[in-house]
Each structure stands twice: as structure tokens, then as C-alpha cells.
Amino acid sequence: MRSIFLGLAALAVTTGQGALAADLAAPVPAYVAPVQPLSIVSEFRIGGSVQDPFSPESGSGNVVAEVLLAKPTLTPDPFWNQFIPRPTVGGSYNTAGRTSYAYLGATWTFDITDRIFVEGFFGASFHNGITGRFIPPGFNALGCSPLFREAASIGFRLTEHWSVLATVEHQSNAGLCVANRGLTNFGGKIAYTF
């Protein structure tokens, strides 16, 4: 009985050593970075803007925040990936009690160099501004809500994660409502990319 036990133990040890040697000789697969970011959030931005300096709402400022989500899909070609927009939500709070708004839409980012990029945004904004025929002093005639919102930015990447942007944005109803003065703001943001 003792010899059978010792024989089984020797067999187990030699089999285990063979398996261990085979495991050590097997090639280790190389790490491949994920194609998509691990988070649904791609980028967070915060900044400020001046409220339409050529309108009745001039002389006031805004605090702006924006979240860009990850691209819904990617292609193997980095060039064509630039044409896939990132879903975007944001908001602008006017510190003087003039028109504030929230917006959603899509942002397209195009690299000029490894550090400089330009962006375009198109979507809709929902505001608390004046929509009727009678406009009190100090407010723009916006006609209705929601409005179309377009924005353009030029940005500079400070590091892999941090960048700064200069932005101009315009909102209007494209003549679909009673009044269409619109709102054009100029500002800047600092961004953190995840």
C-alpha cells in the first residue's frame, strides 16, 4: 500500500512539473489598448463666456459646463474617426439673470496637429429667455424655445489629459418663430479628457 501511495505521489509531482514547465514556455499575449475609452464620458469642460456683446444682453457673463460622451463607434482608420461626432450635453448660467440655457447635440473634433484642433457643434438649446412679441429692456428677442445651437472652437492640448479652447456659439430659431434676434456668446473653456 505504501509503495502505491509513493508511486502516485511521484507521478503527481512529475506531471505537475511538466505542466509548470509547459506553462512557463507558453508565450504571453501582448497587451492591446481598448479601442473605446473605459468610461462612457469622454471629456468634461468648464469655463465662461460673455453674453452677446452686441445685443441688449451685453454686459453680463456666463458660467459654462459641458460633458462630451464617448463616440458611439470607431473605425480602424483614425482619419475617418474624426468624422464620428461625440454626443454632447451642456449648460450656461447667466450671472446677471439674463438668458441661461441647457443644450444637447453632437461635437466633431478635427486635429490640425498633435496639439492643435478645431471643433464644430450642432444641436438644440432650451432657454429661459424671452419668447413673446414684447421684449423687456435688457433682453434679446428669442422667439421660441428650443433654439438651434451652433458652436465653433479652436483648442490647444496642454498635456494628454488637459486642453484649453476658445469658443464662439450662436443660437437662433432660424426664422421659424415670431422674433429671431438670437444669442451669440464668446468664451473659453478648460477641458479634461478621460
N, C-alpha and C. Protein backbone atom coordinates (compact mmCIF):
# COMPACT_ATOMS: atom_id res chain seq x y z
N MET A 1 0.82 -1.18 0.00
CA MET A 1 0.00 0.00 0.00
C MET A 1 0.87 1.25 0.00
N ARG A 2 1.93 1.18 0.81
CA ARG A 2 2.83 2.32 0.89
C ARG A 2 3.50 2.58 -0.45
N SER A 3 3.86 1.55 -1.18
CA SER A 3 4.53 1.71 -2.47
C SER A 3 3.57 2.30 -3.51
N ILE A 4 2.29 1.94 -3.42
CA ILE A 4 1.30 2.51 -4.34
C ILE A 4 1.14 4.00 -4.08
N PHE A 5 1.08 4.37 -2.80
CA PHE A 5 0.94 5.79 -2.44
C PHE A 5 2.14 6.59 -2.92
N LEU A 6 3.36 6.06 -2.70
CA LEU A 6 4.58 6.76 -3.13
C LEU A 6 4.63 6.86 -4.65
N GLY A 7 4.18 5.83 -5.34
CA GLY A 7 4.16 5.85 -6.81
C GLY A 7 3.23 6.93 -7.33
N LEU A 8 2.02 7.04 -6.72
CA LEU A 8 1.07 8.08 -7.14
C LEU A 8 1.60 9.48 -6.84
N ALA A 9 2.26 9.64 -5.71
CA ALA A 9 2.82 10.94 -5.35
C ALA A 9 3.92 11.33 -6.33
N ALA A 10 4.78 10.39 -6.71
CA ALA A 10 5.85 10.67 -7.67
C ALA A 10 5.26 11.04 -9.03
N LEU A 11 4.20 10.33 -9.45
CA LEU A 11 3.54 10.62 -10.71
C LEU A 11 2.94 12.02 -10.68
N ALA A 12 2.30 12.40 -9.58
CA ALA A 12 1.70 13.73 -9.46
C ALA A 12 2.75 14.82 -9.52
N VAL A 13 3.90 14.60 -8.86
CA VAL A 13 4.96 15.61 -8.85
C VAL A 13 5.53 15.78 -10.25
N THR A 14 5.83 14.67 -10.94
CA THR A 14 6.42 14.78 -12.28
C THR A 14 5.42 15.37 -13.26
N THR A 15 4.15 15.02 -13.16
CA THR A 15 3.13 15.59 -14.04
C THR A 15 2.97 17.08 -13.78
N GLY A 16 2.97 17.47 -12.52
CA GLY A 16 2.85 18.89 -12.16
C GLY A 16 4.03 19.70 -12.67
N GLN A 17 5.27 19.10 -12.56
CA GLN A 17 6.45 19.81 -13.05
C GLN A 17 6.39 19.97 -14.56
N GLY A 18 5.89 18.94 -15.25
CA GLY A 18 5.77 19.03 -16.70
C GLY A 18 4.77 20.11 -17.10
N ALA A 19 3.65 20.19 -16.39
CA ALA A 19 2.65 21.20 -16.69
C ALA A 19 3.19 22.59 -16.40
N LEU A 20 3.93 22.72 -15.27
CA LEU A 20 4.50 24.01 -14.90
C LEU A 20 5.50 24.46 -15.94
N ALA A 21 6.36 23.55 -16.41
CA ALA A 21 7.34 23.89 -17.44
C ALA A 21 6.65 24.30 -18.73
N ALA A 22 5.57 23.61 -19.09
CA ALA A 22 4.83 23.96 -20.30
C ALA A 22 4.18 25.33 -20.16
N ASP A 23 3.64 25.65 -18.96
CA ASP A 23 3.02 26.95 -18.74
C ASP A 23 4.03 28.08 -18.86
N LEU A 24 5.26 27.86 -18.33
CA LEU A 24 6.28 28.90 -18.39
C LEU A 24 6.78 29.11 -19.81
N ALA A 25 6.75 28.09 -20.64
CA ALA A 25 7.24 28.20 -22.01
C ALA A 25 6.21 28.83 -22.94
N ALA A 26 4.94 28.84 -22.54
CA ALA A 26 3.89 29.41 -23.40
C ALA A 26 4.08 30.91 -23.55
N PRO A 27 3.91 31.46 -24.75
CA PRO A 27 4.07 32.90 -24.95
C PRO A 27 2.96 33.68 -24.24
N VAL A 28 3.33 34.83 -23.68
CA VAL A 28 2.37 35.70 -23.00
C VAL A 28 1.79 36.65 -24.05
N PRO A 29 0.46 36.71 -24.19
CA PRO A 29 -0.10 37.61 -25.20
C PRO A 29 0.20 39.07 -24.86
N ALA A 30 0.47 39.88 -25.88
CA ALA A 30 0.78 41.30 -25.69
C ALA A 30 -0.48 42.06 -25.29
N TYR A 31 -0.29 43.10 -24.50
CA TYR A 31 -1.41 43.94 -24.08
C TYR A 31 -1.84 44.81 -25.26
N VAL A 32 -3.13 44.84 -25.52
CA VAL A 32 -3.68 45.69 -26.56
C VAL A 32 -4.64 46.67 -25.89
N ALA A 33 -4.41 47.98 -26.11
CA ALA A 33 -5.26 49.01 -25.50
C ALA A 33 -6.68 48.90 -26.05
N PRO A 34 -7.69 49.20 -25.24
CA PRO A 34 -9.06 49.14 -25.73
C PRO A 34 -9.29 50.20 -26.81
N VAL A 35 -10.15 49.88 -27.76
CA VAL A 35 -10.46 50.81 -28.84
C VAL A 35 -11.27 51.98 -28.30
N GLN A 36 -12.19 51.72 -27.41
CA GLN A 36 -13.03 52.75 -26.82
C GLN A 36 -12.53 53.06 -25.41
N PRO A 37 -12.75 54.29 -24.93
CA PRO A 37 -12.40 54.57 -23.54
C PRO A 37 -13.21 53.68 -22.60
N LEU A 38 -12.67 53.46 -21.41
CA LEU A 38 -13.35 52.59 -20.45
C LEU A 38 -14.59 53.26 -19.86
N SER A 39 -14.69 54.57 -19.98
CA SER A 39 -15.83 55.31 -19.43
C SER A 39 -16.73 55.77 -20.57
N ILE A 40 -18.01 55.92 -20.28
CA ILE A 40 -18.93 56.48 -21.26
C ILE A 40 -18.66 57.98 -21.43
N VAL A 41 -18.07 58.62 -20.43
CA VAL A 41 -17.73 60.04 -20.50
C VAL A 41 -16.35 60.18 -21.13
N SER A 42 -16.27 60.95 -22.20
CA SER A 42 -15.01 61.17 -22.91
C SER A 42 -14.27 62.39 -22.36
N GLU A 43 -15.03 63.46 -22.06
CA GLU A 43 -14.39 64.71 -21.68
C GLU A 43 -15.33 65.56 -20.85
N PHE A 44 -14.75 66.33 -19.91
CA PHE A 44 -15.51 67.30 -19.10
C PHE A 44 -14.87 68.67 -19.29
N ARG A 45 -15.71 69.69 -19.49
CA ARG A 45 -15.22 71.04 -19.72
C ARG A 45 -15.95 72.04 -18.81
N ILE A 46 -15.22 73.05 -18.39
CA ILE A 46 -15.82 74.13 -17.61
C ILE A 46 -15.16 75.44 -18.04
N GLY A 47 -15.93 76.51 -18.01
CA GLY A 47 -15.37 77.79 -18.44
C GLY A 47 -16.34 78.92 -18.27
N GLY A 48 -16.18 79.93 -19.09
CA GLY A 48 -17.03 81.11 -19.02
C GLY A 48 -17.17 81.75 -20.38
N SER A 49 -18.16 82.64 -20.49
CA SER A 49 -18.36 83.37 -21.75
C SER A 49 -19.00 84.72 -21.45
N VAL A 50 -18.85 85.62 -22.40
CA VAL A 50 -19.54 86.91 -22.32
C VAL A 50 -20.82 86.78 -23.12
N GLN A 51 -21.90 87.30 -22.55
CA GLN A 51 -23.21 87.21 -23.19
C GLN A 51 -23.30 88.23 -24.32
N ASP A 52 -23.61 87.77 -25.50
CA ASP A 52 -23.81 88.56 -26.72
C ASP A 52 -23.45 90.04 -26.58
N PRO A 53 -22.16 90.39 -26.78
CA PRO A 53 -21.72 91.76 -26.52
C PRO A 53 -22.30 92.82 -27.47
N PHE A 54 -23.00 92.42 -28.53
CA PHE A 54 -23.57 93.37 -29.49
C PHE A 54 -25.09 93.38 -29.42
N SER A 55 -25.64 93.08 -28.25
CA SER A 55 -27.09 92.96 -28.11
C SER A 55 -27.56 93.60 -26.81
N PRO A 56 -28.87 93.65 -26.58
CA PRO A 56 -29.38 94.18 -25.31
C PRO A 56 -28.89 93.41 -24.08
N GLU A 57 -28.47 92.15 -24.24
CA GLU A 57 -28.00 91.37 -23.10
C GLU A 57 -26.50 91.54 -22.84
N SER A 58 -25.86 92.49 -23.51
CA SER A 58 -24.42 92.70 -23.31
C SER A 58 -24.14 93.16 -21.89
N GLY A 59 -22.90 92.98 -21.47
CA GLY A 59 -22.50 93.39 -20.13
C GLY A 59 -22.70 92.33 -19.07
N SER A 60 -23.09 91.13 -19.47
CA SER A 60 -23.25 90.05 -18.49
C SER A 60 -22.39 88.87 -18.92
N GLY A 61 -22.16 87.95 -17.98
CA GLY A 61 -21.31 86.79 -18.24
C GLY A 61 -21.98 85.50 -17.87
N ASN A 62 -21.37 84.41 -18.29
CA ASN A 62 -21.93 83.07 -18.07
C ASN A 62 -20.88 82.13 -17.48
N VAL A 63 -21.35 81.18 -16.69
CA VAL A 63 -20.55 80.04 -16.26
C VAL A 63 -21.03 78.87 -17.10
N VAL A 64 -20.08 78.18 -17.75
CA VAL A 64 -20.41 77.15 -18.72
C VAL A 64 -19.82 75.81 -18.28
N ALA A 65 -20.59 74.73 -18.43
CA ALA A 65 -20.10 73.38 -18.18
C ALA A 65 -20.60 72.47 -19.30
N GLU A 66 -19.79 71.48 -19.65
CA GLU A 66 -20.10 70.63 -20.79
C GLU A 66 -19.54 69.24 -20.57
N VAL A 67 -20.29 68.22 -20.99
CA VAL A 67 -19.84 66.83 -20.93
C VAL A 67 -19.94 66.25 -22.33
N LEU A 68 -18.84 65.70 -22.80
CA LEU A 68 -18.81 65.01 -24.09
C LEU A 68 -18.72 63.52 -23.82
N LEU A 69 -19.61 62.75 -24.42
CA LEU A 69 -19.62 61.31 -24.24
C LEU A 69 -18.70 60.65 -25.26
N ALA A 70 -18.38 59.38 -25.04
CA ALA A 70 -17.53 58.63 -25.96
C ALA A 70 -18.24 58.47 -27.30
N LYS A 71 -17.46 58.38 -28.36
CA LYS A 71 -18.03 58.15 -29.69
C LYS A 71 -18.78 56.82 -29.69
N PRO A 72 -19.95 56.77 -30.31
CA PRO A 72 -20.74 55.53 -30.27
C PRO A 72 -20.08 54.36 -30.99
N THR A 73 -19.20 54.66 -31.95
CA THR A 73 -18.49 53.62 -32.68
C THR A 73 -17.19 54.20 -33.21
N LEU A 74 -16.25 53.34 -33.59
CA LEU A 74 -14.99 53.77 -34.17
C LEU A 74 -14.66 52.91 -35.38
N THR A 75 -13.87 53.47 -36.30
CA THR A 75 -13.38 52.72 -37.44
C THR A 75 -11.90 52.41 -37.21
N PRO A 76 -11.31 51.50 -37.98
CA PRO A 76 -9.87 51.24 -37.83
C PRO A 76 -9.00 52.41 -38.29
N ASP A 77 -9.56 53.33 -39.07
CA ASP A 77 -8.80 54.45 -39.64
C ASP A 77 -8.97 55.71 -38.79
N PRO A 78 -7.89 56.23 -38.17
CA PRO A 78 -8.01 57.44 -37.35
C PRO A 78 -8.54 58.65 -38.11
N PHE A 79 -8.25 58.75 -39.42
CA PHE A 79 -8.75 59.89 -40.21
C PHE A 79 -10.27 59.90 -40.22
N TRP A 80 -10.89 58.77 -40.52
CA TRP A 80 -12.35 58.71 -40.59
C TRP A 80 -13.00 58.81 -39.22
N ASN A 81 -12.28 58.46 -38.16
CA ASN A 81 -12.83 58.60 -36.81
C ASN A 81 -13.14 60.04 -36.47
N GLN A 82 -12.43 61.00 -37.10
CA GLN A 82 -12.69 62.41 -36.83
C GLN A 82 -14.09 62.83 -37.27
N PHE A 83 -14.67 62.10 -38.21
CA PHE A 83 -15.99 62.45 -38.73
C PHE A 83 -17.13 61.83 -37.91
N ILE A 84 -16.77 61.05 -36.90
CA ILE A 84 -17.78 60.48 -35.99
C ILE A 84 -17.90 61.43 -34.81
N PRO A 85 -19.08 62.03 -34.59
CA PRO A 85 -19.21 63.02 -33.50
C PRO A 85 -19.35 62.37 -32.13
N ARG A 86 -19.08 63.19 -31.11
CA ARG A 86 -19.31 62.78 -29.73
C ARG A 86 -20.61 63.41 -29.25
N PRO A 87 -21.54 62.63 -28.71
CA PRO A 87 -22.74 63.22 -28.12
C PRO A 87 -22.33 64.19 -27.00
N THR A 88 -23.02 65.34 -26.94
CA THR A 88 -22.62 66.41 -26.03
C THR A 88 -23.83 66.98 -25.31
N VAL A 89 -23.68 67.22 -24.00
CA VAL A 89 -24.69 67.93 -23.21
C VAL A 89 -23.97 69.02 -22.42
N GLY A 90 -24.66 70.14 -22.23
CA GLY A 90 -24.02 71.23 -21.51
C GLY A 90 -25.04 72.26 -21.04
N GLY A 91 -24.51 73.27 -20.39
CA GLY A 91 -25.37 74.33 -19.91
C GLY A 91 -24.58 75.61 -19.68
N SER A 92 -25.30 76.72 -19.69
CA SER A 92 -24.71 78.03 -19.48
C SER A 92 -25.62 78.81 -18.52
N TYR A 93 -25.05 79.26 -17.40
CA TYR A 93 -25.80 80.01 -16.40
C TYR A 93 -25.36 81.47 -16.45
N ASN A 94 -26.32 82.36 -16.72
CA ASN A 94 -26.00 83.79 -16.78
C ASN A 94 -26.00 84.37 -15.38
N THR A 95 -24.90 85.00 -14.99
CA THR A 95 -24.73 85.51 -13.63
C THR A 95 -25.50 86.79 -13.36
N ALA A 96 -26.07 87.42 -14.39
CA ALA A 96 -26.82 88.67 -14.21
C ALA A 96 -28.33 88.47 -14.38
N GLY A 97 -28.78 87.23 -14.41
CA GLY A 97 -30.22 86.98 -14.52
C GLY A 97 -30.78 87.11 -15.93
N ARG A 98 -29.89 87.16 -16.93
CA ARG A 98 -30.36 87.20 -18.32
C ARG A 98 -30.57 85.76 -18.79
N THR A 99 -30.51 85.52 -20.08
CA THR A 99 -30.83 84.21 -20.64
C THR A 99 -29.81 83.14 -20.26
N SER A 100 -30.28 82.09 -19.61
CA SER A 100 -29.50 80.88 -19.33
C SER A 100 -30.08 79.76 -20.17
N TYR A 101 -29.30 78.71 -20.39
CA TYR A 101 -29.81 77.64 -21.26
C TYR A 101 -29.05 76.33 -21.02
N ALA A 102 -29.70 75.25 -21.43
CA ALA A 102 -29.08 73.92 -21.48
C ALA A 102 -29.12 73.48 -22.93
N TYR A 103 -28.18 72.63 -23.33
CA TYR A 103 -28.14 72.21 -24.72
C TYR A 103 -27.68 70.76 -24.85
N LEU A 104 -28.01 70.18 -26.00
CA LEU A 104 -27.55 68.84 -26.34
C LEU A 104 -27.40 68.75 -27.84
N GLY A 105 -26.49 67.89 -28.26
CA GLY A 105 -26.23 67.73 -29.69
C GLY A 105 -25.00 66.89 -29.91
N ALA A 106 -24.22 67.25 -30.94
CA ALA A 106 -23.05 66.47 -31.32
C ALA A 106 -21.87 67.40 -31.58
N THR A 107 -20.66 66.93 -31.21
CA THR A 107 -19.42 67.68 -31.40
C THR A 107 -18.47 66.88 -32.28
N TRP A 108 -17.98 67.54 -33.35
CA TRP A 108 -16.98 66.95 -34.24
C TRP A 108 -15.64 67.59 -33.93
N THR A 109 -14.58 66.78 -33.74
CA THR A 109 -13.24 67.28 -33.43
C THR A 109 -12.28 66.87 -34.54
N PHE A 110 -11.55 67.85 -35.09
CA PHE A 110 -10.60 67.61 -36.17
C PHE A 110 -9.22 68.08 -35.73
N ASP A 111 -8.24 67.18 -35.78
CA ASP A 111 -6.87 67.50 -35.39
C ASP A 111 -6.15 68.23 -36.53
N ILE A 112 -5.57 69.39 -36.20
CA ILE A 112 -4.74 70.12 -37.15
C ILE A 112 -3.29 69.65 -37.00
N THR A 113 -2.82 69.59 -35.77
CA THR A 113 -1.52 69.00 -35.43
C THR A 113 -1.77 68.06 -34.25
N ASP A 114 -0.69 67.55 -33.65
CA ASP A 114 -0.88 66.69 -32.48
C ASP A 114 -1.37 67.49 -31.27
N ARG A 115 -1.24 68.82 -31.29
CA ARG A 115 -1.69 69.65 -30.17
C ARG A 115 -2.86 70.58 -30.50
N ILE A 116 -2.96 71.04 -31.73
CA ILE A 116 -3.99 72.00 -32.12
C ILE A 116 -5.15 71.27 -32.79
N PHE A 117 -6.38 71.64 -32.42
CA PHE A 117 -7.56 71.03 -33.01
C PHE A 117 -8.66 72.07 -33.17
N VAL A 118 -9.61 71.78 -34.04
CA VAL A 118 -10.79 72.62 -34.22
C VAL A 118 -12.02 71.75 -34.02
N GLU A 119 -13.12 72.41 -33.62
CA GLU A 119 -14.35 71.66 -33.36
C GLU A 119 -15.56 72.40 -33.92
N GLY A 120 -16.57 71.61 -34.20
CA GLY A 120 -17.87 72.15 -34.56
C GLY A 120 -18.94 71.44 -33.75
N PHE A 121 -19.99 72.17 -33.39
CA PHE A 121 -21.11 71.60 -32.63
C PHE A 121 -22.39 71.97 -33.33
N PHE A 122 -23.35 71.05 -33.34
CA PHE A 122 -24.70 71.35 -33.82
C PHE A 122 -25.69 70.62 -32.93
N GLY A 123 -26.74 71.33 -32.52
CA GLY A 123 -27.76 70.71 -31.68
C GLY A 123 -28.88 71.68 -31.35
N ALA A 124 -29.49 71.47 -30.20
CA ALA A 124 -30.62 72.28 -29.75
C ALA A 124 -30.34 72.84 -28.37
N SER A 125 -30.89 74.02 -28.08
CA SER A 125 -30.77 74.60 -26.74
C SER A 125 -32.16 74.92 -26.21
N PHE A 126 -32.30 74.80 -24.89
CA PHE A 126 -33.55 75.07 -24.20
C PHE A 126 -33.24 76.19 -23.20
N HIS A 127 -33.94 77.31 -23.30
CA HIS A 127 -33.55 78.51 -22.54
C HIS A 127 -34.70 79.07 -21.72
N ASN A 128 -34.34 80.02 -20.84
CA ASN A 128 -35.34 80.70 -20.03
C ASN A 128 -35.49 82.16 -20.46
N GLY A 129 -35.08 82.48 -21.70
CA GLY A 129 -35.14 83.85 -22.21
C GLY A 129 -36.55 84.25 -22.64
N ILE A 130 -36.65 85.40 -23.29
CA ILE A 130 -37.93 85.98 -23.69
C ILE A 130 -38.36 85.43 -25.05
N THR A 131 -39.60 84.93 -25.13
CA THR A 131 -40.08 84.31 -26.36
C THR A 131 -41.27 85.04 -26.97
N GLY A 132 -41.85 86.01 -26.32
CA GLY A 132 -43.04 86.69 -26.85
C GLY A 132 -42.71 87.83 -27.79
N ARG A 133 -43.75 88.56 -28.20
CA ARG A 133 -43.59 89.72 -29.08
C ARG A 133 -43.04 90.93 -28.34
N PHE A 134 -43.34 91.04 -27.04
CA PHE A 134 -42.94 92.20 -26.26
C PHE A 134 -41.71 91.86 -25.45
N ILE A 135 -40.62 92.53 -25.76
CA ILE A 135 -39.33 92.22 -25.15
C ILE A 135 -38.96 93.31 -24.16
N PRO A 136 -38.80 92.98 -22.87
CA PRO A 136 -38.41 93.99 -21.89
C PRO A 136 -36.97 94.46 -22.15
N PRO A 137 -36.63 95.67 -21.72
CA PRO A 137 -35.27 96.16 -21.91
C PRO A 137 -34.24 95.22 -21.27
N GLY A 138 -33.11 95.06 -21.95
CA GLY A 138 -32.04 94.23 -21.41
C GLY A 138 -32.11 92.77 -21.82
N PHE A 139 -33.07 92.41 -22.68
CA PHE A 139 -33.20 91.02 -23.12
C PHE A 139 -33.24 90.93 -24.64
N ASN A 140 -32.78 89.80 -25.17
CA ASN A 140 -32.85 89.53 -26.61
C ASN A 140 -34.18 88.90 -26.95
N ALA A 141 -34.66 89.17 -28.17
CA ALA A 141 -35.88 88.54 -28.68
C ALA A 141 -35.51 87.17 -29.25
N LEU A 142 -35.89 86.11 -28.55
CA LEU A 142 -35.50 84.77 -28.97
C LEU A 142 -36.62 84.01 -29.67
N GLY A 143 -37.84 84.48 -29.58
CA GLY A 143 -38.94 83.92 -30.37
C GLY A 143 -39.56 82.66 -29.82
N CYS A 144 -38.78 81.64 -29.53
CA CYS A 144 -39.33 80.37 -29.04
C CYS A 144 -38.22 79.56 -28.39
N SER A 145 -38.61 78.45 -27.82
CA SER A 145 -37.67 77.51 -27.25
C SER A 145 -38.20 76.11 -27.58
N PRO A 146 -37.37 75.21 -28.07
CA PRO A 146 -35.92 75.26 -28.18
C PRO A 146 -35.46 76.08 -29.38
N LEU A 147 -34.15 76.35 -29.39
CA LEU A 147 -33.48 77.03 -30.49
C LEU A 147 -32.45 76.08 -31.11
N PHE A 148 -32.02 76.39 -32.33
CA PHE A 148 -30.86 75.72 -32.90
C PHE A 148 -29.61 76.32 -32.25
N ARG A 149 -28.62 75.48 -31.97
CA ARG A 149 -27.35 75.97 -31.42
C ARG A 149 -26.20 75.44 -32.27
N GLU A 150 -25.36 76.38 -32.71
CA GLU A 150 -24.14 76.03 -33.44
C GLU A 150 -22.98 76.65 -32.68
N ALA A 151 -21.84 75.95 -32.67
CA ALA A 151 -20.65 76.48 -31.99
C ALA A 151 -19.41 76.04 -32.75
N ALA A 152 -18.37 76.86 -32.67
CA ALA A 152 -17.07 76.54 -33.26
C ALA A 152 -16.00 76.85 -32.22
N SER A 153 -14.98 76.00 -32.16
CA SER A 153 -13.90 76.18 -31.19
C SER A 153 -12.56 75.89 -31.84
N ILE A 154 -11.54 76.52 -31.28
CA ILE A 154 -10.16 76.15 -31.59
C ILE A 154 -9.52 75.80 -30.26
N GLY A 155 -8.79 74.69 -30.22
CA GLY A 155 -8.24 74.21 -28.96
C GLY A 155 -6.77 73.89 -29.04
N PHE A 156 -6.16 73.84 -27.86
CA PHE A 156 -4.74 73.51 -27.73
C PHE A 156 -4.60 72.50 -26.61
N ARG A 157 -3.95 71.35 -26.89
CA ARG A 157 -3.73 70.31 -25.88
C ARG A 157 -2.49 70.65 -25.07
N LEU A 158 -2.67 70.89 -23.78
CA LEU A 158 -1.55 71.17 -22.89
C LEU A 158 -0.80 69.90 -22.54
N THR A 159 -1.55 68.83 -22.25
CA THR A 159 -0.99 67.51 -21.93
C THR A 159 -1.90 66.47 -22.56
N GLU A 160 -1.65 65.22 -22.25
CA GLU A 160 -2.51 64.14 -22.75
C GLU A 160 -3.95 64.30 -22.27
N HIS A 161 -4.14 64.85 -21.07
CA HIS A 161 -5.48 64.96 -20.49
C HIS A 161 -6.06 66.37 -20.49
N TRP A 162 -5.23 67.40 -20.47
CA TRP A 162 -5.72 68.77 -20.31
C TRP A 162 -5.61 69.56 -21.61
N SER A 163 -6.63 70.37 -21.90
CA SER A 163 -6.59 71.25 -23.06
C SER A 163 -7.40 72.51 -22.76
N VAL A 164 -7.18 73.55 -23.57
CA VAL A 164 -7.92 74.81 -23.46
C VAL A 164 -8.56 75.09 -24.82
N LEU A 165 -9.73 75.76 -24.79
CA LEU A 165 -10.46 76.06 -26.01
C LEU A 165 -10.98 77.49 -25.99
N ALA A 166 -10.99 78.13 -27.16
CA ALA A 166 -11.69 79.40 -27.37
C ALA A 166 -12.91 79.08 -28.23
N THR A 167 -14.08 79.60 -27.83
CA THR A 167 -15.33 79.18 -28.47
C THR A 167 -16.21 80.38 -28.82
N VAL A 168 -16.90 80.27 -29.93
CA VAL A 168 -17.99 81.19 -30.28
C VAL A 168 -19.22 80.32 -30.53
N GLU A 169 -20.36 80.75 -30.00
CA GLU A 169 -21.59 79.97 -30.18
C GLU A 169 -22.72 80.90 -30.58
N HIS A 170 -23.65 80.37 -31.35
CA HIS A 170 -24.82 81.14 -31.78
C HIS A 170 -26.06 80.29 -31.63
N GLN A 171 -27.12 80.93 -31.16
CA GLN A 171 -28.41 80.25 -31.03
C GLN A 171 -29.48 81.11 -31.68
N SER A 172 -30.35 80.49 -32.43
CA SER A 172 -31.47 81.21 -33.03
C SER A 172 -32.54 80.21 -33.43
N ASN A 173 -33.69 80.74 -33.85
CA ASN A 173 -34.78 79.85 -34.27
C ASN A 173 -34.86 79.74 -35.79
N ALA A 174 -33.88 80.29 -36.50
CA ALA A 174 -33.81 80.20 -37.97
C ALA A 174 -35.05 80.78 -38.65
N GLY A 175 -35.67 81.76 -38.02
CA GLY A 175 -36.84 82.40 -38.61
C GLY A 175 -38.11 81.60 -38.50
N LEU A 176 -38.13 80.56 -37.67
CA LEU A 176 -39.32 79.72 -37.53
C LEU A 176 -40.32 80.26 -36.52
N CYS A 177 -39.94 81.28 -35.74
CA CYS A 177 -40.83 81.83 -34.72
C CYS A 177 -41.03 83.33 -34.96
N VAL A 178 -41.77 83.96 -34.08
CA VAL A 178 -42.16 85.37 -34.23
C VAL A 178 -40.96 86.29 -34.31
N ALA A 179 -40.01 86.14 -33.41
CA ALA A 179 -38.83 87.01 -33.37
C ALA A 179 -37.58 86.14 -33.47
N ASN A 180 -36.48 86.73 -33.98
CA ASN A 180 -35.29 85.91 -34.17
C ASN A 180 -34.01 86.72 -33.98
N ARG A 181 -33.90 87.48 -32.88
CA ARG A 181 -32.67 88.21 -32.61
C ARG A 181 -31.51 87.24 -32.34
N GLY A 182 -31.80 86.13 -31.68
CA GLY A 182 -30.77 85.13 -31.39
C GLY A 182 -29.85 85.56 -30.26
N LEU A 183 -28.81 84.77 -30.06
CA LEU A 183 -27.86 85.00 -28.97
C LEU A 183 -26.51 84.47 -29.43
N THR A 184 -25.48 85.33 -29.39
CA THR A 184 -24.13 84.94 -29.79
C THR A 184 -23.17 85.24 -28.66
N ASN A 185 -22.52 84.20 -28.13
CA ASN A 185 -21.62 84.33 -26.98
C ASN A 185 -20.19 83.95 -27.37
N PHE A 186 -19.22 84.57 -26.67
CA PHE A 186 -17.81 84.30 -26.90
C PHE A 186 -17.19 83.90 -25.57
N GLY A 187 -16.37 82.84 -25.59
CA GLY A 187 -15.79 82.41 -24.31
C GLY A 187 -14.64 81.45 -24.44
N GLY A 188 -14.29 80.85 -23.32
CA GLY A 188 -13.21 79.90 -23.26
C GLY A 188 -13.51 78.81 -22.24
N LYS A 189 -12.86 77.66 -22.41
CA LYS A 189 -13.07 76.53 -21.50
C LYS A 189 -11.75 75.83 -21.27
N ILE A 190 -11.67 75.16 -20.14
CA ILE A 190 -10.58 74.22 -19.87
C ILE A 190 -11.22 72.84 -19.85
N ALA A 191 -10.53 71.86 -20.45
CA ALA A 191 -11.12 70.53 -20.62
C ALA A 191 -10.21 69.47 -20.04
N TYR A 192 -10.84 68.43 -19.49
CA TYR A 192 -10.13 67.24 -19.03
C TYR A 192 -10.64 66.04 -19.82
N THR A 193 -9.75 65.36 -20.53
CA THR A 193 -10.10 64.17 -21.30
C THR A 193 -9.77 62.92 -20.49
N PHE A 194 -10.72 62.01 -20.38
CA PHE A 194 -10.54 60.79 -19.62
C PHE A 194 -9.79 59.75 -20.41
